[in-house]
Protein backbone atom coordinates (compact mmCIF):
# COMPACT_ATOMS: atom_id res chain seq x y z
CA UNK A 1 17.34 14.69 -29.83
CA UNK A 2 15.62 16.63 -26.95
CA UNK A 3 18.99 17.98 -25.54
CA UNK A 4 19.62 19.44 -28.84
CA UNK A 5 16.33 21.17 -29.09
CA UNK A 6 16.88 22.54 -25.73
CA UNK A 7 20.08 24.09 -26.55
CA UNK A 8 18.89 25.55 -29.79
CA UNK A 9 15.88 26.98 -27.79
CA UNK A 10 18.28 28.49 -25.23
CA UNK A 11 20.47 29.84 -28.18
CA UNK A 12 17.40 31.57 -29.78
CA UNK A 13 16.38 33.10 -26.46
CA UNK A 14 20.02 34.45 -25.86
CA UNK A 15 20.24 35.69 -29.27
CA UNK A 16 16.85 37.49 -29.48
CA UNK A 17 17.91 39.28 -26.10
CA UNK A 18 21.20 40.26 -27.70
CA UNK A 19 19.76 41.45 -30.64
CA UNK A 20 17.39 43.75 -28.97
CA UNK A 21 20.20 45.08 -26.91
CA UNK A 22 22.37 45.44 -30.17
CA UNK A 23 19.48 47.54 -31.66
CA UNK A 24 18.70 49.59 -28.62
CA UNK A 25 22.46 50.44 -27.94
CA UNK A 26 22.97 51.01 -31.89
CA UNK A 27 25.71 48.64 -32.03
CA UNK A 28 24.76 47.07 -35.25
CA UNK A 29 28.16 46.55 -36.96
CA UNK A 30 29.03 43.02 -38.30
CA UNK A 31 31.55 42.59 -35.51
CA UNK A 32 28.83 43.24 -32.77
CA UNK A 33 26.45 40.70 -34.38
CA UNK A 34 29.45 37.98 -34.39
CA UNK A 35 30.01 38.72 -30.78
CA UNK A 36 26.45 38.44 -29.76
CA UNK A 37 26.17 35.25 -31.76
CA UNK A 38 29.20 33.53 -30.13
CA UNK A 39 28.22 34.66 -26.60
CA UNK A 40 24.66 33.37 -27.21
CA UNK A 41 25.97 30.11 -28.35
CA UNK A 42 28.43 29.80 -25.62
CA UNK A 43 25.64 30.54 -23.06
CA UNK A 44 23.28 28.11 -24.56
CA UNK A 45 25.73 25.26 -24.37
CA UNK A 46 26.88 26.12 -20.86
CA UNK A 47 23.33 26.99 -19.12
CA UNK A 48 21.07 24.54 -20.79
CA UNK A 49 22.76 21.34 -19.42
CA UNK A 50 22.91 22.92 -16.05
CA UNK A 51 19.30 23.51 -15.94
């Protein structure tokens, strides 16, 4: 259960950073949010087990 919580926490951190960047760069179309979602998910799945 702990690895799942760590991956979710990593996803939330990555998604929050991506969301702030989307808002600052004014890229708020649906496509941009989907790209941010998938990049955050991928980073969380790859980086968290390494750490």
